[in-house]
């Protein structure tokens, strides 16, 4: 198996604006704030009512990250672009996706604790636990009074690749 080199994600390219607006998609999540991701990263949204760990999309087997517990019936699978083809992965969730165009000035940072589940996380770069939101939370933001989680998609992709490897 070829080794996949870790590379730093260039998030600035996702912030291409149209008159100071960001095009984002709100993805429902359970037991955490809904996720907010750049709409341009979504390659496909498909119906899927079975909890799965791999998803075949355009002849590529993708690892799946779940935004709901295993005992809840999923409704959708969302394929996300990665830094490379090997870094693509899918999200599994239930509920409707919402498109949002937000002014950059309307997106406010929300301060969150680096303590989660009673664990003090010393090295958040190396730490990853799919059950601990703080290990893959890039940032938390507020738009129009709603709190959203900005996930570290690069970190999740690398975790899923390591899990597969």
N, C-alpha and C. Protein backbone atom coordinates (compact mmCIF):
# COMPACT_ATOMS: atom_id res chain seq x y z
N UNK A 1 0.84 -1.19 0.00
CA UNK A 1 0.00 0.00 0.00
C UNK A 1 0.88 1.24 0.00
N UNK A 2 0.54 2.19 -0.84
CA UNK A 2 1.36 3.40 -0.91
C UNK A 2 1.09 4.29 0.30
N UNK A 3 2.10 4.96 0.74
CA UNK A 3 1.98 5.84 1.89
C UNK A 3 1.38 7.17 1.44
N UNK A 4 0.41 7.65 2.20
CA UNK A 4 -0.21 8.93 1.89
C UNK A 4 0.44 9.99 2.76
N UNK A 5 1.03 10.95 2.10
CA UNK A 5 1.73 12.00 2.83
C UNK A 5 0.74 13.00 3.38
N UNK A 6 0.93 13.37 4.63
CA UNK A 6 0.08 14.37 5.26
C UNK A 6 0.46 15.73 4.70
N UNK A 7 -0.54 16.48 4.32
CA UNK A 7 -0.22 17.82 3.86
C UNK A 7 -1.21 18.79 4.47
N UNK A 8 -0.77 19.98 4.60
CA UNK A 8 -1.55 20.99 5.29
C UNK A 8 -2.64 21.53 4.36
N UNK A 9 -3.85 21.55 4.86
CA UNK A 9 -5.00 21.98 4.09
C UNK A 9 -5.00 23.50 3.94
N UNK A 10 -5.25 23.97 2.74
CA UNK A 10 -5.25 25.39 2.45
C UNK A 10 -6.69 25.92 2.49
N UNK A 11 -7.19 26.20 3.68
CA UNK A 11 -8.57 26.62 3.85
C UNK A 11 -8.87 27.97 3.20
N UNK A 12 -7.86 28.78 2.99
CA UNK A 12 -8.07 30.09 2.40
C UNK A 12 -8.75 29.97 1.04
N UNK A 13 -8.42 28.94 0.29
CA UNK A 13 -9.01 28.76 -1.03
C UNK A 13 -10.51 28.52 -0.96
N UNK A 14 -11.02 28.09 0.19
CA UNK A 14 -12.45 27.86 0.35
C UNK A 14 -13.21 29.14 0.66
N UNK A 15 -12.49 30.18 1.02
CA UNK A 15 -13.13 31.42 1.41
C UNK A 15 -13.27 32.38 0.25
N UNK A 16 -13.27 31.84 -0.95
CA UNK A 16 -13.50 32.68 -2.11
C UNK A 16 -14.86 33.34 -1.93
N UNK A 17 -14.88 34.61 -1.98
CA UNK A 17 -16.11 35.33 -1.66
C UNK A 17 -16.73 35.96 -2.89
N UNK A 18 -17.99 36.18 -2.79
CA UNK A 18 -18.74 36.89 -3.80
C UNK A 18 -19.37 38.08 -3.08
N UNK A 19 -18.76 39.22 -3.23
CA UNK A 19 -19.23 40.44 -2.54
C UNK A 19 -19.30 40.25 -1.03
N UNK A 20 -18.29 39.63 -0.45
CA UNK A 20 -18.22 39.46 1.00
C UNK A 20 -19.11 38.38 1.55
N UNK A 21 -19.59 37.47 0.70
CA UNK A 21 -20.49 36.41 1.13
C UNK A 21 -19.78 35.05 1.08
N UNK A 22 -20.14 34.17 2.02
CA UNK A 22 -19.65 32.80 2.03
C UNK A 22 -20.81 31.88 1.69
N UNK A 23 -20.60 30.93 0.80
CA UNK A 23 -21.60 29.91 0.50
C UNK A 23 -21.28 28.69 1.33
N UNK A 24 -22.14 28.37 2.28
CA UNK A 24 -21.91 27.24 3.18
C UNK A 24 -23.15 26.36 3.23
N UNK A 25 -22.93 25.14 3.70
CA UNK A 25 -24.01 24.19 3.90
C UNK A 25 -24.02 23.80 5.36
N UNK A 26 -25.21 23.80 5.94
CA UNK A 26 -25.39 23.37 7.33
C UNK A 26 -25.77 21.89 7.29
N UNK A 27 -24.98 21.07 7.98
CA UNK A 27 -25.19 19.62 8.02
C UNK A 27 -25.63 19.25 9.44
N UNK A 28 -26.79 18.62 9.58
CA UNK A 28 -27.27 18.26 10.91
C UNK A 28 -26.36 17.24 11.60
N UNK A 29 -26.16 17.43 12.89
CA UNK A 29 -25.34 16.53 13.70
C UNK A 29 -26.07 16.27 15.02
N UNK A 30 -25.84 15.12 15.61
CA UNK A 30 -26.46 14.73 16.87
C UNK A 30 -25.44 14.87 18.00
N UNK A 31 -25.88 15.41 19.13
CA UNK A 31 -25.04 15.58 20.33
C UNK A 31 -23.86 16.52 20.14
N UNK A 32 -24.01 17.46 19.22
CA UNK A 32 -23.00 18.49 18.96
C UNK A 32 -23.67 19.54 18.09
N UNK A 33 -23.07 20.69 17.96
CA UNK A 33 -23.66 21.69 17.05
C UNK A 33 -23.69 21.16 15.61
N UNK A 34 -24.66 21.61 14.83
CA UNK A 34 -24.67 21.27 13.42
C UNK A 34 -23.37 21.76 12.79
N UNK A 35 -22.93 21.05 11.77
CA UNK A 35 -21.69 21.40 11.09
C UNK A 35 -21.94 22.44 10.03
N UNK A 36 -20.96 23.30 9.82
CA UNK A 36 -21.00 24.27 8.73
C UNK A 36 -19.77 24.01 7.87
N UNK A 37 -20.01 23.74 6.59
CA UNK A 37 -18.90 23.44 5.68
C UNK A 37 -19.07 24.22 4.39
N UNK A 38 -17.99 24.53 3.71
CA UNK A 38 -18.10 25.23 2.43
C UNK A 38 -18.88 24.37 1.43
N UNK A 39 -19.88 24.94 0.81
CA UNK A 39 -20.71 24.21 -0.14
C UNK A 39 -19.89 23.65 -1.30
N UNK A 40 -18.83 24.33 -1.65
CA UNK A 40 -18.00 23.89 -2.78
C UNK A 40 -17.30 22.56 -2.52
N UNK A 41 -17.23 22.11 -1.26
CA UNK A 41 -16.60 20.83 -0.96
C UNK A 41 -17.53 19.64 -1.17
N UNK A 42 -18.82 19.89 -1.29
CA UNK A 42 -19.78 18.80 -1.42
C UNK A 42 -19.82 18.32 -2.86
N UNK A 43 -19.44 17.06 -3.05
CA UNK A 43 -19.43 16.45 -4.37
C UNK A 43 -20.74 15.75 -4.68
N UNK A 44 -21.40 15.23 -3.65
CA UNK A 44 -22.62 14.47 -3.86
C UNK A 44 -23.40 14.35 -2.54
N UNK A 45 -24.72 14.34 -2.65
CA UNK A 45 -25.59 14.06 -1.52
C UNK A 45 -26.55 12.97 -2.00
N UNK A 46 -26.51 11.82 -1.34
CA UNK A 46 -27.32 10.68 -1.74
C UNK A 46 -28.15 10.18 -0.56
N UNK A 47 -29.27 9.55 -0.89
CA UNK A 47 -30.10 8.93 0.14
C UNK A 47 -29.41 7.65 0.58
N UNK A 48 -29.45 7.37 1.88
CA UNK A 48 -28.83 6.16 2.43
C UNK A 48 -29.41 5.92 3.81
N UNK A 49 -30.26 4.91 3.95
CA UNK A 49 -30.92 4.64 5.22
C UNK A 49 -30.28 3.50 6.00
N UNK A 50 -29.05 3.16 5.66
CA UNK A 50 -28.34 2.10 6.36
C UNK A 50 -27.04 2.66 6.93
N UNK A 51 -26.77 2.36 8.18
CA UNK A 51 -25.53 2.81 8.83
C UNK A 51 -24.38 2.01 8.23
N UNK A 52 -23.44 2.70 7.56
CA UNK A 52 -22.36 2.02 6.86
C UNK A 52 -21.01 2.64 7.24
N UNK A 53 -19.95 1.87 7.03
CA UNK A 53 -18.62 2.40 7.31
C UNK A 53 -17.84 2.68 6.03
N UNK A 54 -18.29 2.13 4.89
CA UNK A 54 -17.68 2.40 3.58
C UNK A 54 -18.78 2.74 2.60
N UNK A 55 -18.47 3.66 1.68
CA UNK A 55 -19.45 4.06 0.67
C UNK A 55 -18.77 4.06 -0.69
N UNK A 56 -19.35 3.34 -1.63
CA UNK A 56 -18.81 3.31 -2.99
C UNK A 56 -19.40 4.46 -3.78
N UNK A 57 -18.51 5.33 -4.21
CA UNK A 57 -18.92 6.51 -4.97
C UNK A 57 -18.01 6.64 -6.18
N UNK A 58 -18.59 6.61 -7.34
CA UNK A 58 -17.86 6.72 -8.60
C UNK A 58 -16.62 5.83 -8.63
N UNK A 59 -16.82 4.57 -8.32
CA UNK A 59 -15.78 3.54 -8.32
C UNK A 59 -14.66 3.80 -7.33
N UNK A 60 -14.96 4.56 -6.29
CA UNK A 60 -14.00 4.81 -5.23
C UNK A 60 -14.65 4.44 -3.90
N UNK A 61 -13.97 3.64 -3.12
CA UNK A 61 -14.46 3.28 -1.79
C UNK A 61 -14.06 4.36 -0.80
N UNK A 62 -15.06 4.99 -0.19
CA UNK A 62 -14.80 6.09 0.74
C UNK A 62 -15.11 5.68 2.18
N UNK A 63 -14.26 6.12 3.10
CA UNK A 63 -14.55 5.93 4.51
C UNK A 63 -15.67 6.88 4.90
N UNK A 64 -16.45 6.48 5.91
CA UNK A 64 -17.61 7.26 6.33
C UNK A 64 -17.43 7.72 7.77
N UNK A 65 -17.69 9.00 8.00
CA UNK A 65 -17.69 9.59 9.34
C UNK A 65 -19.14 9.86 9.71
N UNK A 66 -19.55 9.42 10.88
CA UNK A 66 -20.96 9.49 11.28
C UNK A 66 -21.24 10.69 12.18
N UNK A 67 -22.33 11.39 11.86
CA UNK A 67 -22.77 12.53 12.66
C UNK A 67 -24.01 12.18 13.48
N UNK A 68 -24.23 10.89 13.67
CA UNK A 68 -25.35 10.41 14.46
C UNK A 68 -24.96 9.07 15.07
N UNK A 69 -25.60 8.70 16.18
CA UNK A 69 -25.27 7.43 16.82
C UNK A 69 -25.74 6.25 15.96
N UNK A 70 -25.12 5.11 16.21
CA UNK A 70 -25.40 3.92 15.41
C UNK A 70 -26.84 3.44 15.53
N UNK A 71 -27.50 3.76 16.64
CA UNK A 71 -28.88 3.30 16.81
C UNK A 71 -29.91 4.22 16.15
N UNK A 72 -29.47 5.29 15.53
CA UNK A 72 -30.37 6.20 14.81
C UNK A 72 -30.28 5.91 13.32
N UNK A 73 -31.43 5.88 12.66
CA UNK A 73 -31.46 5.58 11.22
C UNK A 73 -30.97 6.79 10.43
N UNK A 74 -29.92 6.60 9.62
CA UNK A 74 -29.43 7.70 8.80
C UNK A 74 -30.35 7.94 7.61
N UNK A 75 -30.19 9.09 7.00
CA UNK A 75 -30.99 9.44 5.83
C UNK A 75 -30.13 9.82 4.64
N UNK A 76 -28.96 10.39 4.92
CA UNK A 76 -28.14 10.93 3.83
C UNK A 76 -26.68 10.55 3.99
N UNK A 77 -26.03 10.49 2.82
CA UNK A 77 -24.58 10.34 2.79
C UNK A 77 -24.05 11.49 1.94
N UNK A 78 -23.09 12.21 2.46
CA UNK A 78 -22.56 13.41 1.82
C UNK A 78 -21.10 13.16 1.49
N UNK A 79 -20.77 13.20 0.22
CA UNK A 79 -19.39 12.98 -0.22
C UNK A 79 -18.68 14.33 -0.25
N UNK A 80 -17.53 14.39 0.43
CA UNK A 80 -16.76 15.62 0.52
C UNK A 80 -15.44 15.50 -0.24
N UNK A 81 -15.09 16.56 -0.92
CA UNK A 81 -13.79 16.62 -1.59
C UNK A 81 -12.70 16.71 -0.55
N UNK A 82 -11.55 16.15 -0.85
CA UNK A 82 -10.40 16.21 0.03
C UNK A 82 -9.26 16.94 -0.64
N UNK A 83 -8.14 17.00 0.04
CA UNK A 83 -6.95 17.62 -0.54
C UNK A 83 -6.49 16.86 -1.77
N UNK A 84 -6.69 15.54 -1.74
CA UNK A 84 -6.39 14.67 -2.87
C UNK A 84 -7.56 13.70 -3.00
N UNK A 85 -7.55 12.93 -4.07
CA UNK A 85 -8.60 11.91 -4.24
C UNK A 85 -8.60 10.94 -3.06
N UNK A 86 -7.42 10.61 -2.56
CA UNK A 86 -7.31 9.68 -1.43
C UNK A 86 -7.87 10.25 -0.13
N UNK A 87 -8.05 11.56 -0.06
CA UNK A 87 -8.54 12.20 1.15
C UNK A 87 -10.04 12.49 1.11
N UNK A 88 -10.71 12.06 0.06
CA UNK A 88 -12.16 12.20 0.03
C UNK A 88 -12.77 11.28 1.08
N UNK A 89 -13.87 11.71 1.67
CA UNK A 89 -14.60 10.84 2.59
C UNK A 89 -16.06 11.26 2.58
N UNK A 90 -16.87 10.50 3.28
CA UNK A 90 -18.31 10.76 3.31
C UNK A 90 -18.77 11.00 4.74
N UNK A 91 -19.81 11.80 4.87
CA UNK A 91 -20.47 12.03 6.15
C UNK A 91 -21.83 11.33 6.09
N UNK A 92 -22.22 10.74 7.19
CA UNK A 92 -23.55 10.14 7.25
C UNK A 92 -24.35 10.85 8.32
N UNK A 93 -25.58 11.27 7.95
CA UNK A 93 -26.39 12.06 8.85
C UNK A 93 -27.87 11.83 8.59
N UNK A 94 -28.69 12.43 9.40
CA UNK A 94 -30.15 12.41 9.22
C UNK A 94 -30.63 13.85 9.30
N UNK A 95 -31.65 14.17 8.52
CA UNK A 95 -32.17 15.53 8.52
C UNK A 95 -31.80 16.25 7.24
N UNK A 96 -32.40 17.39 7.07
CA UNK A 96 -32.19 18.15 5.85
C UNK A 96 -30.95 19.04 5.90
N UNK A 97 -30.28 19.13 4.78
CA UNK A 97 -29.17 20.07 4.65
C UNK A 97 -29.75 21.44 4.34
N UNK A 98 -29.10 22.48 4.83
CA UNK A 98 -29.54 23.85 4.52
C UNK A 98 -28.40 24.60 3.88
N UNK A 99 -28.73 25.32 2.83
CA UNK A 99 -27.75 26.19 2.18
C UNK A 99 -27.86 27.56 2.84
N UNK A 100 -26.73 28.20 3.03
CA UNK A 100 -26.71 29.50 3.67
C UNK A 100 -25.67 30.37 2.99
N UNK A 101 -26.04 31.58 2.72
CA UNK A 101 -25.07 32.56 2.23
C UNK A 101 -24.93 33.57 3.37
N UNK A 102 -23.74 33.64 3.91
CA UNK A 102 -23.51 34.50 5.07
C UNK A 102 -22.45 35.54 4.75
N UNK A 103 -22.67 36.74 5.24
CA UNK A 103 -21.64 37.77 5.15
C UNK A 103 -20.51 37.38 6.10
N UNK A 104 -19.30 37.57 5.64
CA UNK A 104 -18.15 37.25 6.48
C UNK A 104 -18.24 38.00 7.80
N UNK A 105 -18.72 39.23 7.78
CA UNK A 105 -18.83 40.03 9.00
C UNK A 105 -19.89 39.50 9.96
N UNK A 106 -20.81 38.66 9.49
CA UNK A 106 -21.86 38.09 10.35
C UNK A 106 -21.40 36.82 11.08
N UNK A 107 -20.27 36.27 10.69
CA UNK A 107 -19.76 35.04 11.29
C UNK A 107 -18.92 35.43 12.51
N UNK A 108 -19.40 35.07 13.68
CA UNK A 108 -18.72 35.42 14.94
C UNK A 108 -18.11 34.18 15.58
N UNK A 109 -16.88 34.31 16.06
CA UNK A 109 -16.24 33.21 16.79
C UNK A 109 -16.94 33.00 18.12
N UNK A 110 -17.05 31.74 18.53
CA UNK A 110 -17.59 31.40 19.83
C UNK A 110 -16.47 30.73 20.61
N UNK A 111 -16.20 31.22 21.80
CA UNK A 111 -15.14 30.65 22.62
C UNK A 111 -15.65 29.36 23.24
N UNK A 112 -14.85 28.30 23.08
CA UNK A 112 -15.20 27.00 23.67
C UNK A 112 -14.07 26.53 24.55
N UNK A 113 -14.38 25.65 25.45
CA UNK A 113 -13.39 25.11 26.37
C UNK A 113 -12.56 24.04 25.68
N UNK A 114 -11.31 23.97 26.00
CA UNK A 114 -10.45 22.90 25.48
C UNK A 114 -10.57 21.65 26.35
N UNK A 115 -11.46 21.69 27.32
CA UNK A 115 -11.71 20.51 28.14
C UNK A 115 -13.00 19.88 27.64
N UNK A 116 -12.93 18.62 27.30
CA UNK A 116 -14.10 17.91 26.82
C UNK A 116 -14.17 16.57 27.52
N UNK A 117 -15.35 16.22 27.98
CA UNK A 117 -15.54 14.95 28.68
C UNK A 117 -14.59 14.81 29.87
N UNK A 118 -14.23 15.94 30.47
CA UNK A 118 -13.35 15.90 31.63
C UNK A 118 -11.89 15.65 31.30
N UNK A 119 -11.53 15.62 30.02
CA UNK A 119 -10.16 15.34 29.61
C UNK A 119 -9.48 16.65 29.22
N UNK A 120 -8.32 16.90 29.77
CA UNK A 120 -7.55 18.07 29.37
C UNK A 120 -6.69 17.68 28.17
N UNK A 121 -6.94 18.29 27.06
CA UNK A 121 -6.24 17.93 25.83
C UNK A 121 -5.00 18.79 25.70
N UNK A 122 -3.84 18.17 25.91
CA UNK A 122 -2.58 18.91 25.83
C UNK A 122 -2.16 19.14 24.38
N UNK A 123 -2.26 18.09 23.56
CA UNK A 123 -1.78 18.17 22.19
C UNK A 123 -2.94 17.90 21.24
N UNK A 124 -3.69 18.93 20.88
CA UNK A 124 -4.87 18.73 20.03
C UNK A 124 -4.49 18.36 18.61
N UNK A 125 -3.25 18.60 18.20
CA UNK A 125 -2.82 18.21 16.85
C UNK A 125 -2.83 16.70 16.69
N UNK A 126 -2.31 15.98 17.67
CA UNK A 126 -2.18 14.53 17.56
C UNK A 126 -3.42 13.79 18.06
N UNK A 127 -4.20 14.39 18.90
CA UNK A 127 -5.32 13.74 19.54
C UNK A 127 -6.53 13.68 18.61
N UNK A 128 -7.11 12.48 18.46
CA UNK A 128 -8.34 12.34 17.69
C UNK A 128 -9.17 11.24 18.30
N UNK A 129 -10.42 11.56 18.59
CA UNK A 129 -11.38 10.59 19.11
C UNK A 129 -12.72 10.94 18.48
N UNK A 130 -13.25 10.04 17.66
CA UNK A 130 -14.50 10.33 16.95
C UNK A 130 -15.65 10.65 17.90
N UNK A 131 -15.53 10.24 19.17
CA UNK A 131 -16.57 10.51 20.15
C UNK A 131 -16.33 11.79 20.95
N UNK A 132 -15.22 12.46 20.69
CA UNK A 132 -14.86 13.68 21.40
C UNK A 132 -14.79 14.84 20.40
N UNK A 133 -15.85 15.62 20.36
CA UNK A 133 -15.97 16.70 19.40
C UNK A 133 -14.77 17.63 19.41
N UNK A 134 -14.22 17.89 20.58
CA UNK A 134 -13.10 18.84 20.66
C UNK A 134 -11.87 18.36 19.91
N UNK A 135 -11.78 17.06 19.64
CA UNK A 135 -10.60 16.55 18.94
C UNK A 135 -10.65 16.81 17.44
N UNK A 136 -11.82 17.12 16.89
CA UNK A 136 -11.91 17.45 15.46
C UNK A 136 -12.62 18.78 15.21
N UNK A 137 -12.86 19.53 16.26
CA UNK A 137 -13.45 20.86 16.11
C UNK A 137 -12.34 21.83 15.72
N UNK A 138 -12.49 22.45 14.58
CA UNK A 138 -11.54 23.47 14.17
C UNK A 138 -11.89 24.77 14.86
N UNK A 139 -13.18 25.07 14.89
CA UNK A 139 -13.67 26.31 15.47
C UNK A 139 -15.17 26.19 15.67
N UNK A 140 -15.70 26.99 16.54
CA UNK A 140 -17.14 27.10 16.71
C UNK A 140 -17.52 28.54 16.39
N UNK A 141 -18.57 28.70 15.58
CA UNK A 141 -18.98 30.04 15.15
C UNK A 141 -20.47 30.23 15.40
N UNK A 142 -20.87 31.50 15.40
CA UNK A 142 -22.28 31.84 15.54
C UNK A 142 -22.69 32.70 14.35
N UNK A 143 -23.83 32.34 13.76
CA UNK A 143 -24.42 33.11 12.67
C UNK A 143 -25.90 33.27 12.99
N UNK A 144 -26.37 34.49 13.02
CA UNK A 144 -27.78 34.78 13.33
C UNK A 144 -28.24 34.08 14.60
N UNK A 145 -27.40 34.07 15.63
CA UNK A 145 -27.78 33.51 16.92
C UNK A 145 -27.69 31.99 17.00
N UNK A 146 -27.31 31.32 15.92
CA UNK A 146 -27.16 29.86 15.91
C UNK A 146 -25.68 29.50 15.99
N UNK A 147 -25.36 28.49 16.80
CA UNK A 147 -23.99 28.03 16.94
C UNK A 147 -23.75 26.85 16.01
N UNK A 148 -22.61 26.90 15.32
CA UNK A 148 -22.23 25.84 14.39
C UNK A 148 -20.80 25.40 14.65
N UNK A 149 -20.52 24.15 14.33
CA UNK A 149 -19.19 23.62 14.47
C UNK A 149 -18.51 23.65 13.10
N UNK A 150 -17.31 24.20 13.06
CA UNK A 150 -16.49 24.15 11.86
C UNK A 150 -15.52 22.99 12.09
N UNK A 151 -15.73 21.88 11.38
CA UNK A 151 -14.89 20.70 11.62
C UNK A 151 -13.53 20.83 10.95
N UNK A 152 -12.55 20.15 11.52
CA UNK A 152 -11.22 20.06 10.91
C UNK A 152 -11.28 18.88 9.94
N UNK A 153 -11.73 19.14 8.73
CA UNK A 153 -11.95 18.08 7.74
C UNK A 153 -10.65 17.37 7.39
N UNK A 154 -9.55 18.10 7.36
CA UNK A 154 -8.26 17.49 7.07
C UNK A 154 -7.90 16.47 8.14
N UNK A 155 -8.12 16.80 9.38
CA UNK A 155 -7.81 15.90 10.49
C UNK A 155 -8.69 14.65 10.44
N UNK A 156 -9.96 14.84 10.12
CA UNK A 156 -10.88 13.71 10.01
C UNK A 156 -10.45 12.80 8.86
N UNK A 157 -10.10 13.39 7.72
CA UNK A 157 -9.66 12.60 6.57
C UNK A 157 -8.45 11.75 6.92
N UNK A 158 -7.49 12.34 7.60
CA UNK A 158 -6.29 11.60 7.98
C UNK A 158 -6.60 10.51 8.98
N UNK A 159 -7.49 10.77 9.91
CA UNK A 159 -7.91 9.74 10.87
C UNK A 159 -8.54 8.57 10.12
N UNK A 160 -9.43 8.85 9.18
CA UNK A 160 -10.11 7.79 8.44
C UNK A 160 -9.13 7.00 7.57
N UNK A 161 -8.14 7.67 6.98
CA UNK A 161 -7.13 6.99 6.17
C UNK A 161 -6.28 6.09 7.06
N UNK A 162 -5.87 6.59 8.23
CA UNK A 162 -5.10 5.79 9.16
C UNK A 162 -5.89 4.57 9.62
N UNK A 163 -7.19 4.75 9.84
CA UNK A 163 -8.07 3.67 10.27
C UNK A 163 -8.15 2.60 9.18
N UNK A 164 -8.20 3.03 7.93
CA UNK A 164 -8.26 2.12 6.80
C UNK A 164 -6.95 1.37 6.58
N UNK A 165 -5.84 2.09 6.85
CA UNK A 165 -4.52 1.58 6.53
C UNK A 165 -4.13 0.43 7.37
